[in-house]
Amino acid sequence: RDSLPPEARRCCRLVILGRALRERGREHLQEEILSAIGPAHRGAITLEGNRESVLPVLLAADAHVLVSTTESSPLVNLEAAALGIPCISSAVHGIPEVLADGERGFLADPHGVDSICATLRRVYDLIASSSPELEAVRARARDFVRERHDHRRAAASLSRHLDACSTAGGPILAGAA
């Protein structure tokens, strides 16, 4: 939080969702977070845990942040991008293919606190200034999801591949693409 300007430190809120709260324990994770940022910011953090739908939280958010070393291509990044919510995520695995830095999202090194802070600050500044650059990133992200990750297109593509396999008389193999 110290890398953000004072006005951001007063108004920013962090909502934490996901299974880490269950796996590591809500109280344990809350203590880790509070020891890292200090008890003065206690009111700025909400620990939600698992939810049936993240949609209400995403719709209320100015930005979506998922910095992880283990996520390979998280669905929630696609969901946020489809809604036009700026995404900040890890520059690991398949994430940069979806959220090309500065093009369709914003990437940080999940091992580098300075990188994460700089990316948060960059997005905060773009939001605070109502930047046309941010609007362009949002539009490109929405278009990318619609063009490359639409369920109807994926189903049609799968159907074509299955038809080709069955017409050729070859075996149908299962696997990851």
N, C-alpha and C. Protein backbone atom coordinates (compact mmCIF):
# COMPACT_ATOMS: atom_id res chain seq x y z
N ARG A 1 0.82 -1.20 0.00
CA ARG A 1 0.00 0.00 0.00
C ARG A 1 0.85 1.25 0.00
N ASP A 2 2.06 1.18 0.55
CA ASP A 2 2.87 2.40 0.63
C ASP A 2 3.30 2.91 -0.74
N SER A 3 3.26 2.05 -1.77
CA SER A 3 3.64 2.51 -3.10
C SER A 3 2.52 3.31 -3.76
N LEU A 4 1.33 3.26 -3.20
CA LEU A 4 0.22 4.03 -3.75
C LEU A 4 0.19 5.41 -3.12
N PRO A 5 -0.39 6.39 -3.81
CA PRO A 5 -0.50 7.73 -3.22
C PRO A 5 -1.42 7.70 -2.01
N PRO A 6 -1.31 8.70 -1.12
CA PRO A 6 -2.11 8.71 0.11
C PRO A 6 -3.61 8.59 -0.14
N GLU A 7 -4.13 9.23 -1.20
CA GLU A 7 -5.57 9.15 -1.47
C GLU A 7 -6.00 7.72 -1.81
N ALA A 8 -5.12 6.97 -2.45
CA ALA A 8 -5.43 5.57 -2.78
C ALA A 8 -5.40 4.72 -1.52
N ARG A 9 -4.49 5.01 -0.62
CA ARG A 9 -4.40 4.23 0.61
C ARG A 9 -5.65 4.42 1.47
N ARG A 10 -6.30 5.56 1.33
CA ARG A 10 -7.52 5.79 2.10
C ARG A 10 -8.74 5.13 1.47
N CYS A 11 -8.75 5.00 0.15
CA CYS A 11 -9.97 4.55 -0.52
C CYS A 11 -9.91 3.14 -1.07
N CYS A 12 -8.74 2.55 -1.19
CA CYS A 12 -8.64 1.21 -1.78
C CYS A 12 -9.15 0.15 -0.82
N ARG A 13 -9.84 -0.81 -1.40
CA ARG A 13 -10.31 -1.97 -0.63
C ARG A 13 -9.84 -3.22 -1.35
N LEU A 14 -9.56 -4.23 -0.58
CA LEU A 14 -9.12 -5.52 -1.10
C LEU A 14 -10.12 -6.57 -0.67
N VAL A 15 -10.70 -7.26 -1.66
CA VAL A 15 -11.62 -8.36 -1.38
C VAL A 15 -10.91 -9.63 -1.83
N ILE A 16 -10.73 -10.56 -0.91
CA ILE A 16 -10.02 -11.80 -1.21
C ILE A 16 -11.03 -12.93 -1.31
N LEU A 17 -11.01 -13.58 -2.46
CA LEU A 17 -11.90 -14.71 -2.73
C LEU A 17 -11.05 -15.95 -2.96
N GLY A 18 -11.66 -17.10 -2.83
CA GLY A 18 -11.00 -18.32 -3.26
C GLY A 18 -10.75 -19.33 -2.18
N ARG A 19 -10.22 -20.45 -2.63
CA ARG A 19 -10.05 -21.60 -1.76
C ARG A 19 -8.89 -21.45 -0.78
N ALA A 20 -7.99 -20.51 -1.00
CA ALA A 20 -6.86 -20.35 -0.07
C ALA A 20 -7.36 -20.08 1.35
N LEU A 21 -8.49 -19.42 1.45
CA LEU A 21 -9.04 -19.16 2.78
C LEU A 21 -9.44 -20.45 3.47
N ARG A 22 -9.96 -21.39 2.71
CA ARG A 22 -10.37 -22.67 3.29
C ARG A 22 -9.15 -23.53 3.57
N GLU A 23 -8.23 -23.57 2.60
CA GLU A 23 -7.06 -24.44 2.72
C GLU A 23 -6.12 -23.99 3.82
N ARG A 24 -5.90 -22.71 3.90
CA ARG A 24 -4.93 -22.21 4.88
C ARG A 24 -5.62 -21.71 6.13
N GLY A 25 -6.93 -21.57 6.09
CA GLY A 25 -7.68 -21.09 7.24
C GLY A 25 -7.84 -19.59 7.19
N ARG A 26 -9.08 -19.14 7.30
CA ARG A 26 -9.40 -17.71 7.24
C ARG A 26 -8.59 -16.91 8.26
N GLU A 27 -8.55 -17.38 9.49
CA GLU A 27 -7.86 -16.63 10.54
C GLU A 27 -6.36 -16.56 10.27
N HIS A 28 -5.79 -17.70 9.84
CA HIS A 28 -4.36 -17.75 9.56
C HIS A 28 -4.00 -16.77 8.43
N LEU A 29 -4.78 -16.79 7.34
CA LEU A 29 -4.50 -15.90 6.22
C LEU A 29 -4.71 -14.44 6.62
N GLN A 30 -5.75 -14.17 7.38
CA GLN A 30 -6.00 -12.80 7.83
C GLN A 30 -4.83 -12.30 8.66
N GLU A 31 -4.31 -13.13 9.53
CA GLU A 31 -3.16 -12.72 10.34
C GLU A 31 -1.93 -12.46 9.48
N GLU A 32 -1.70 -13.31 8.46
CA GLU A 32 -0.58 -13.09 7.55
C GLU A 32 -0.70 -11.74 6.86
N ILE A 33 -1.90 -11.45 6.37
CA ILE A 33 -2.12 -10.19 5.65
C ILE A 33 -1.95 -9.01 6.58
N LEU A 34 -2.57 -9.06 7.74
CA LEU A 34 -2.48 -7.94 8.67
C LEU A 34 -1.06 -7.71 9.15
N SER A 35 -0.30 -8.77 9.32
CA SER A 35 1.09 -8.58 9.74
C SER A 35 1.91 -7.95 8.62
N ALA A 36 1.51 -8.20 7.37
CA ALA A 36 2.23 -7.63 6.24
C ALA A 36 1.88 -6.16 6.03
N ILE A 37 0.61 -5.78 6.23
CA ILE A 37 0.21 -4.39 5.94
C ILE A 37 -0.06 -3.57 7.18
N GLY A 38 -0.22 -4.20 8.32
CA GLY A 38 -0.46 -3.48 9.56
C GLY A 38 -1.93 -3.40 9.90
N PRO A 39 -2.24 -3.39 11.20
CA PRO A 39 -3.63 -3.40 11.65
C PRO A 39 -4.40 -2.12 11.32
N ALA A 40 -3.72 -1.03 11.02
CA ALA A 40 -4.41 0.22 10.68
C ALA A 40 -5.27 0.08 9.43
N HIS A 41 -4.96 -0.92 8.61
CA HIS A 41 -5.69 -1.12 7.36
C HIS A 41 -6.71 -2.24 7.44
N ARG A 42 -7.01 -2.69 8.64
CA ARG A 42 -7.92 -3.82 8.84
C ARG A 42 -9.24 -3.64 8.09
N GLY A 43 -9.81 -2.46 8.10
CA GLY A 43 -11.10 -2.21 7.46
C GLY A 43 -11.04 -2.24 5.94
N ALA A 44 -9.84 -2.24 5.38
CA ALA A 44 -9.70 -2.22 3.92
C ALA A 44 -9.70 -3.61 3.31
N ILE A 45 -9.75 -4.65 4.17
CA ILE A 45 -9.65 -6.02 3.67
C ILE A 45 -10.91 -6.80 4.04
N THR A 46 -11.45 -7.47 3.04
CA THR A 46 -12.59 -8.37 3.26
C THR A 46 -12.18 -9.75 2.78
N LEU A 47 -12.30 -10.74 3.66
CA LEU A 47 -11.98 -12.11 3.30
C LEU A 47 -13.29 -12.85 3.02
N GLU A 48 -13.56 -13.08 1.75
CA GLU A 48 -14.83 -13.69 1.34
C GLU A 48 -14.75 -15.21 1.25
N GLY A 49 -13.62 -15.76 0.87
CA GLY A 49 -13.52 -17.20 0.67
C GLY A 49 -14.19 -17.61 -0.63
N ASN A 50 -14.61 -18.87 -0.69
CA ASN A 50 -15.29 -19.37 -1.89
C ASN A 50 -16.68 -18.77 -2.00
N ARG A 51 -17.07 -18.50 -3.23
CA ARG A 51 -18.42 -18.00 -3.51
C ARG A 51 -18.96 -18.79 -4.67
N GLU A 52 -20.27 -18.96 -4.69
CA GLU A 52 -20.87 -19.65 -5.83
C GLU A 52 -20.63 -18.86 -7.11
N SER A 53 -20.68 -17.53 -7.00
CA SER A 53 -20.44 -16.67 -8.16
C SER A 53 -19.57 -15.49 -7.75
N VAL A 54 -18.54 -15.23 -8.54
CA VAL A 54 -17.71 -14.05 -8.29
C VAL A 54 -18.26 -12.82 -9.01
N LEU A 55 -19.31 -13.00 -9.80
CA LEU A 55 -19.85 -11.91 -10.62
C LEU A 55 -20.19 -10.66 -9.82
N PRO A 56 -20.90 -10.75 -8.69
CA PRO A 56 -21.19 -9.51 -7.95
C PRO A 56 -19.93 -8.76 -7.51
N VAL A 57 -18.92 -9.51 -7.12
CA VAL A 57 -17.67 -8.87 -6.68
C VAL A 57 -16.96 -8.24 -7.87
N LEU A 58 -16.89 -8.97 -8.99
CA LEU A 58 -16.25 -8.41 -10.20
C LEU A 58 -16.95 -7.15 -10.68
N LEU A 59 -18.27 -7.18 -10.69
CA LEU A 59 -19.02 -6.01 -11.18
C LEU A 59 -18.81 -4.77 -10.31
N ALA A 60 -18.50 -4.98 -9.04
CA ALA A 60 -18.26 -3.85 -8.13
C ALA A 60 -16.81 -3.39 -8.14
N ALA A 61 -15.94 -4.13 -8.82
CA ALA A 61 -14.50 -3.86 -8.76
C ALA A 61 -14.06 -2.87 -9.83
N ASP A 62 -13.04 -2.09 -9.49
CA ASP A 62 -12.39 -1.22 -10.47
C ASP A 62 -11.31 -2.00 -11.22
N ALA A 63 -10.79 -3.05 -10.59
CA ALA A 63 -9.77 -3.89 -11.21
C ALA A 63 -9.83 -5.27 -10.57
N HIS A 64 -9.37 -6.24 -11.33
CA HIS A 64 -9.28 -7.63 -10.85
C HIS A 64 -7.79 -7.96 -10.72
N VAL A 65 -7.41 -8.51 -9.57
CA VAL A 65 -6.01 -8.84 -9.33
C VAL A 65 -5.91 -10.32 -8.98
N LEU A 66 -5.09 -11.04 -9.73
CA LEU A 66 -4.79 -12.44 -9.43
C LEU A 66 -3.30 -12.64 -9.68
N VAL A 67 -2.53 -12.59 -8.62
CA VAL A 67 -1.09 -12.79 -8.72
C VAL A 67 -0.78 -14.10 -8.04
N SER A 68 -0.33 -15.06 -8.83
CA SER A 68 -0.12 -16.42 -8.35
C SER A 68 1.03 -17.05 -9.13
N THR A 69 1.70 -17.99 -8.50
CA THR A 69 2.74 -18.73 -9.20
C THR A 69 2.22 -20.08 -9.71
N THR A 70 1.00 -20.44 -9.32
CA THR A 70 0.49 -21.76 -9.66
C THR A 70 -0.64 -21.77 -10.68
N GLU A 71 -1.30 -20.66 -10.90
CA GLU A 71 -2.40 -20.61 -11.86
C GLU A 71 -1.82 -20.64 -13.27
N SER A 72 -2.35 -21.49 -14.13
CA SER A 72 -1.80 -21.57 -15.49
C SER A 72 -2.59 -20.71 -16.47
N SER A 73 -3.90 -20.71 -16.37
CA SER A 73 -4.75 -19.89 -17.22
C SER A 73 -6.11 -19.75 -16.55
N PRO A 74 -6.20 -18.93 -15.53
CA PRO A 74 -7.40 -18.87 -14.71
C PRO A 74 -8.62 -18.33 -15.45
N LEU A 75 -9.73 -19.02 -15.29
CA LEU A 75 -10.99 -18.62 -15.90
C LEU A 75 -11.43 -17.24 -15.43
N VAL A 76 -11.17 -16.91 -14.18
CA VAL A 76 -11.62 -15.62 -13.65
C VAL A 76 -10.98 -14.45 -14.41
N ASN A 77 -9.77 -14.62 -14.94
CA ASN A 77 -9.19 -13.56 -15.76
C ASN A 77 -10.03 -13.33 -17.01
N LEU A 78 -10.47 -14.43 -17.64
CA LEU A 78 -11.33 -14.30 -18.83
C LEU A 78 -12.66 -13.66 -18.47
N GLU A 79 -13.22 -14.05 -17.33
CA GLU A 79 -14.50 -13.48 -16.91
C GLU A 79 -14.38 -11.98 -16.68
N ALA A 80 -13.34 -11.57 -15.99
CA ALA A 80 -13.14 -10.14 -15.74
C ALA A 80 -12.89 -9.39 -17.04
N ALA A 81 -12.04 -9.95 -17.90
CA ALA A 81 -11.74 -9.30 -19.18
C ALA A 81 -13.00 -9.16 -20.03
N ALA A 82 -13.85 -10.18 -20.04
CA ALA A 82 -15.09 -10.13 -20.81
C ALA A 82 -16.01 -9.02 -20.31
N LEU A 83 -15.91 -8.70 -19.02
CA LEU A 83 -16.72 -7.64 -18.44
C LEU A 83 -16.07 -6.26 -18.59
N GLY A 84 -14.88 -6.21 -19.16
CA GLY A 84 -14.18 -4.94 -19.32
C GLY A 84 -13.52 -4.46 -18.05
N ILE A 85 -13.27 -5.37 -17.13
CA ILE A 85 -12.60 -5.01 -15.88
C ILE A 85 -11.10 -5.21 -16.06
N PRO A 86 -10.30 -4.19 -15.84
CA PRO A 86 -8.86 -4.34 -16.02
C PRO A 86 -8.31 -5.46 -15.15
N CYS A 87 -7.48 -6.30 -15.75
CA CYS A 87 -6.90 -7.46 -15.06
C CYS A 87 -5.42 -7.24 -14.79
N ILE A 88 -5.04 -7.51 -13.56
CA ILE A 88 -3.64 -7.53 -13.16
C ILE A 88 -3.37 -8.97 -12.77
N SER A 89 -2.40 -9.60 -13.42
CA SER A 89 -2.14 -11.00 -13.15
C SER A 89 -0.66 -11.31 -13.30
N SER A 90 -0.35 -12.58 -13.12
CA SER A 90 1.03 -13.05 -13.13
C SER A 90 1.55 -13.23 -14.55
N ALA A 91 2.81 -12.91 -14.73
CA ALA A 91 3.47 -13.13 -16.01
C ALA A 91 4.05 -14.54 -16.02
N VAL A 92 3.18 -15.54 -15.86
CA VAL A 92 3.59 -16.94 -15.83
C VAL A 92 2.64 -17.81 -16.63
N HIS A 93 3.12 -18.96 -17.05
CA HIS A 93 2.34 -19.99 -17.73
C HIS A 93 1.59 -19.41 -18.93
N GLY A 94 0.30 -19.66 -19.05
CA GLY A 94 -0.47 -19.20 -20.20
C GLY A 94 -1.09 -17.83 -20.04
N ILE A 95 -0.90 -17.20 -18.89
CA ILE A 95 -1.55 -15.91 -18.63
C ILE A 95 -1.10 -14.82 -19.60
N PRO A 96 0.20 -14.68 -19.92
CA PRO A 96 0.59 -13.62 -20.86
C PRO A 96 -0.03 -13.77 -22.26
N GLU A 97 -0.40 -14.99 -22.65
CA GLU A 97 -1.07 -15.17 -23.95
C GLU A 97 -2.45 -14.52 -23.95
N VAL A 98 -3.11 -14.54 -22.81
CA VAL A 98 -4.44 -13.96 -22.69
C VAL A 98 -4.34 -12.47 -22.36
N LEU A 99 -3.56 -12.13 -21.37
CA LEU A 99 -3.46 -10.75 -20.89
C LEU A 99 -2.13 -10.13 -21.31
N ALA A 100 -1.91 -9.99 -22.60
CA ALA A 100 -0.67 -9.39 -23.07
C ALA A 100 -0.49 -8.04 -22.37
N ASP A 101 0.66 -7.86 -21.73
CA ASP A 101 0.90 -6.68 -20.89
C ASP A 101 0.72 -5.38 -21.66
N GLY A 102 -0.19 -4.56 -21.14
CA GLY A 102 -0.45 -3.26 -21.75
C GLY A 102 -1.37 -3.33 -22.96
N GLU A 103 -1.64 -4.53 -23.44
CA GLU A 103 -2.53 -4.71 -24.60
C GLU A 103 -3.92 -5.14 -24.17
N ARG A 104 -3.98 -6.20 -23.35
CA ARG A 104 -5.27 -6.73 -22.89
C ARG A 104 -5.32 -6.88 -21.37
N GLY A 105 -4.30 -6.45 -20.71
CA GLY A 105 -4.22 -6.56 -19.26
C GLY A 105 -2.87 -6.05 -18.79
N PHE A 106 -2.55 -6.37 -17.55
CA PHE A 106 -1.33 -5.87 -16.94
C PHE A 106 -0.69 -7.02 -16.17
N LEU A 107 0.59 -7.23 -16.41
CA LEU A 107 1.29 -8.38 -15.84
C LEU A 107 2.36 -7.96 -14.84
N ALA A 108 2.53 -8.81 -13.84
CA ALA A 108 3.56 -8.57 -12.83
C ALA A 108 4.29 -9.89 -12.57
N ASP A 109 5.51 -9.77 -12.11
CA ASP A 109 6.29 -10.93 -11.68
C ASP A 109 5.73 -11.36 -10.32
N PRO A 110 5.15 -12.56 -10.21
CA PRO A 110 4.54 -12.95 -8.94
C PRO A 110 5.56 -13.15 -7.81
N HIS A 111 6.83 -13.21 -8.15
CA HIS A 111 7.87 -13.37 -7.14
C HIS A 111 8.45 -12.04 -6.69
N GLY A 112 8.05 -10.95 -7.36
CA GLY A 112 8.64 -9.65 -7.06
C GLY A 112 7.64 -8.65 -6.51
N VAL A 113 7.76 -8.35 -5.25
CA VAL A 113 6.86 -7.39 -4.62
C VAL A 113 6.92 -6.04 -5.34
N ASP A 114 8.12 -5.62 -5.74
CA ASP A 114 8.26 -4.34 -6.43
C ASP A 114 7.51 -4.36 -7.76
N SER A 115 7.57 -5.47 -8.47
CA SER A 115 6.86 -5.60 -9.74
C SER A 115 5.35 -5.54 -9.53
N ILE A 116 4.87 -6.23 -8.52
CA ILE A 116 3.43 -6.22 -8.21
C ILE A 116 2.98 -4.81 -7.84
N CYS A 117 3.75 -4.16 -6.98
CA CYS A 117 3.40 -2.80 -6.55
C CYS A 117 3.41 -1.82 -7.72
N ALA A 118 4.41 -1.94 -8.58
CA ALA A 118 4.50 -1.04 -9.74
C ALA A 118 3.31 -1.25 -10.68
N THR A 119 2.89 -2.49 -10.86
CA THR A 119 1.75 -2.77 -11.73
C THR A 119 0.46 -2.26 -11.11
N LEU A 120 0.29 -2.45 -9.81
CA LEU A 120 -0.88 -1.91 -9.12
C LEU A 120 -0.92 -0.40 -9.25
N ARG A 121 0.22 0.24 -9.06
CA ARG A 121 0.29 1.70 -9.16
C ARG A 121 -0.04 2.16 -10.58
N ARG A 122 0.49 1.46 -11.56
CA ARG A 122 0.23 1.80 -12.97
C ARG A 122 -1.27 1.76 -13.26
N VAL A 123 -1.94 0.70 -12.83
CA VAL A 123 -3.37 0.57 -13.09
C VAL A 123 -4.16 1.59 -12.28
N TYR A 124 -3.77 1.81 -11.02
CA TYR A 124 -4.44 2.82 -10.21
C TYR A 124 -4.37 4.19 -10.91
N ASP A 125 -3.20 4.55 -11.40
CA ASP A 125 -3.04 5.85 -12.08
C ASP A 125 -3.92 5.93 -13.33
N LEU A 126 -4.00 4.83 -14.08
CA LEU A 126 -4.83 4.82 -15.29
C LEU A 126 -6.32 4.97 -14.93
N ILE A 127 -6.74 4.29 -13.88
CA ILE A 127 -8.14 4.39 -13.44
C ILE A 127 -8.43 5.80 -12.93
N ALA A 128 -7.55 6.32 -12.08
CA ALA A 128 -7.76 7.64 -11.49
C ALA A 128 -7.80 8.75 -12.53
N SER A 129 -7.07 8.57 -13.62
CA SER A 129 -7.03 9.62 -14.66
C SER A 129 -8.05 9.38 -15.77
N SER A 130 -8.88 8.34 -15.63
CA SER A 130 -9.84 7.97 -16.69
C SER A 130 -9.14 7.91 -18.04
N SER A 131 -8.02 7.25 -18.06
CA SER A 131 -7.15 7.20 -19.22
C SER A 131 -7.77 6.52 -20.43
N PRO A 132 -7.65 7.15 -21.61
CA PRO A 132 -8.06 6.47 -22.84
C PRO A 132 -7.26 5.19 -23.08
N GLU A 133 -6.02 5.15 -22.60
CA GLU A 133 -5.20 3.95 -22.72
C GLU A 133 -5.87 2.78 -22.01
N LEU A 134 -6.42 3.02 -20.82
CA LEU A 134 -7.09 1.97 -20.08
C LEU A 134 -8.35 1.52 -20.81
N GLU A 135 -9.09 2.47 -21.36
CA GLU A 135 -10.30 2.10 -22.12
C GLU A 135 -9.94 1.23 -23.32
N ALA A 136 -8.83 1.52 -23.96
CA ALA A 136 -8.39 0.71 -25.11
C ALA A 136 -8.00 -0.70 -24.66
N VAL A 137 -7.33 -0.82 -23.51
CA VAL A 137 -6.98 -2.14 -22.97
C VAL A 137 -8.25 -2.92 -22.67
N ARG A 138 -9.22 -2.26 -22.05
CA ARG A 138 -10.50 -2.92 -21.73
C ARG A 138 -11.17 -3.44 -23.01
N ALA A 139 -11.22 -2.59 -24.02
CA ALA A 139 -11.89 -2.97 -25.28
C ALA A 139 -11.17 -4.14 -25.95
N ARG A 140 -9.84 -4.07 -26.00
CA ARG A 140 -9.09 -5.17 -26.62
C ARG A 140 -9.28 -6.48 -25.85
N ALA A 141 -9.33 -6.40 -24.53
CA ALA A 141 -9.53 -7.61 -23.71
C ALA A 141 -10.92 -8.20 -23.97
N ARG A 142 -11.94 -7.35 -23.98
CA ARG A 142 -13.30 -7.84 -24.26
C ARG A 142 -13.36 -8.50 -25.63
N ASP A 143 -12.79 -7.83 -26.64
CA ASP A 143 -12.80 -8.39 -28.00
C ASP A 143 -12.06 -9.71 -28.07
N PHE A 144 -10.92 -9.81 -27.41
CA PHE A 144 -10.13 -11.04 -27.41
C PHE A 144 -10.94 -12.20 -26.83
N VAL A 145 -11.60 -11.95 -25.71
CA VAL A 145 -12.39 -13.02 -25.09
C VAL A 145 -13.54 -13.43 -26.01
N ARG A 146 -14.22 -12.46 -26.60
CA ARG A 146 -15.33 -12.78 -27.50
C ARG A 146 -14.85 -13.56 -28.73
N GLU A 147 -13.71 -13.18 -29.26
CA GLU A 147 -13.20 -13.83 -30.47
C GLU A 147 -12.56 -15.19 -30.20
N ARG A 148 -11.83 -15.31 -29.11
CA ARG A 148 -11.02 -16.51 -28.89
C ARG A 148 -11.57 -17.47 -27.84
N HIS A 149 -12.50 -17.02 -27.02
CA HIS A 149 -12.95 -17.86 -25.91
C HIS A 149 -14.46 -17.98 -25.79
N ASP A 150 -15.16 -17.72 -26.87
CA ASP A 150 -16.61 -17.84 -26.86
C ASP A 150 -16.99 -19.33 -26.85
N HIS A 151 -17.87 -19.72 -25.98
CA HIS A 151 -18.23 -21.14 -25.84
C HIS A 151 -18.88 -21.70 -27.11
N ARG A 152 -19.62 -20.87 -27.83
CA ARG A 152 -20.25 -21.35 -29.08
C ARG A 152 -19.19 -21.66 -30.13
N ARG A 153 -18.20 -20.81 -30.24
CA ARG A 153 -17.11 -21.06 -31.20
C ARG A 153 -16.31 -22.29 -30.81
N ALA A 154 -16.06 -22.46 -29.51
CA ALA A 154 -15.31 -23.62 -29.05
C ALA A 154 -16.09 -24.90 -29.35
N ALA A 155 -17.40 -24.88 -29.11
CA ALA A 155 -18.22 -26.07 -29.39
C ALA A 155 -18.25 -26.37 -30.88
N ALA A 156 -18.36 -25.35 -31.72
CA ALA A 156 -18.37 -25.57 -33.17
C ALA A 156 -17.03 -26.12 -33.63
N SER A 157 -15.94 -25.62 -33.10
CA SER A 157 -14.61 -26.13 -33.46
C SER A 157 -14.46 -27.59 -33.05
N LEU A 158 -14.89 -27.92 -31.84
CA LEU A 158 -14.81 -29.29 -31.38
C LEU A 158 -15.65 -30.20 -32.28
N SER A 159 -16.84 -29.75 -32.64
CA SER A 159 -17.71 -30.54 -33.52
C SER A 159 -17.04 -30.80 -34.86
N ARG A 160 -16.39 -29.78 -35.43
CA ARG A 160 -15.69 -29.96 -36.71
C ARG A 160 -14.57 -30.99 -36.58
N HIS A 161 -13.81 -30.92 -35.50
CA HIS A 161 -12.72 -31.87 -35.29
C HIS A 161 -13.24 -33.29 -35.11
N LEU A 162 -14.31 -33.44 -34.37
CA LEU A 162 -14.90 -34.77 -34.18
C LEU A 162 -15.44 -35.32 -35.49
N ASP A 163 -16.09 -34.45 -36.28
CA ASP A 163 -16.58 -34.88 -37.59
C ASP A 163 -15.43 -35.34 -38.47
N ALA A 164 -14.34 -34.59 -38.46
CA ALA A 164 -13.18 -34.95 -39.28
C ALA A 164 -12.60 -36.29 -38.84
N CYS A 165 -12.54 -36.52 -37.56
CA CYS A 165 -12.01 -37.79 -37.05
C CYS A 165 -12.92 -38.96 -37.41
N SER A 166 -14.21 -38.77 -37.25
CA SER A 166 -15.13 -39.87 -37.53
C SER A 166 -15.23 -40.14 -39.03
N THR A 167 -15.15 -39.10 -39.87
CA THR A 167 -15.18 -39.27 -41.32
C THR A 167 -13.94 -40.00 -41.80
N ALA A 168 -12.81 -39.69 -41.18
CA ALA A 168 -11.55 -40.32 -41.58
C ALA A 168 -11.44 -41.74 -41.04
N GLY A 169 -12.34 -42.10 -40.13
CA GLY A 169 -12.30 -43.44 -39.58
C GLY A 169 -11.19 -43.66 -38.56
N GLY A 170 -10.56 -42.61 -38.18
CA GLY A 170 -9.47 -42.72 -37.23
C GLY A 170 -9.97 -42.72 -35.81
N PRO A 171 -9.09 -43.03 -34.87
CA PRO A 171 -9.47 -43.04 -33.46
C PRO A 171 -9.68 -41.62 -32.95
N ILE A 172 -10.53 -41.49 -32.00
CA ILE A 172 -10.74 -40.22 -31.34
C ILE A 172 -9.93 -40.27 -30.05
N LEU A 173 -8.97 -39.39 -29.94
CA LEU A 173 -8.08 -39.36 -28.79
C LEU A 173 -8.44 -38.20 -27.89
N ALA A 174 -8.36 -38.39 -26.61
CA ALA A 174 -8.61 -37.32 -25.65
C ALA A 174 -7.29 -36.75 -25.19
N GLY A 175 -7.27 -35.46 -24.97
CA GLY A 175 -6.06 -34.82 -24.48
C GLY A 175 -6.23 -33.34 -24.40
N ALA A 176 -5.25 -32.67 -23.90
CA ALA A 176 -5.28 -31.22 -23.77
C ALA A 176 -4.73 -30.59 -25.03
N ALA A 177 -5.35 -29.51 -25.44
CA ALA A 177 -4.90 -28.80 -26.64
C ALA A 177 -3.99 -27.67 -26.27
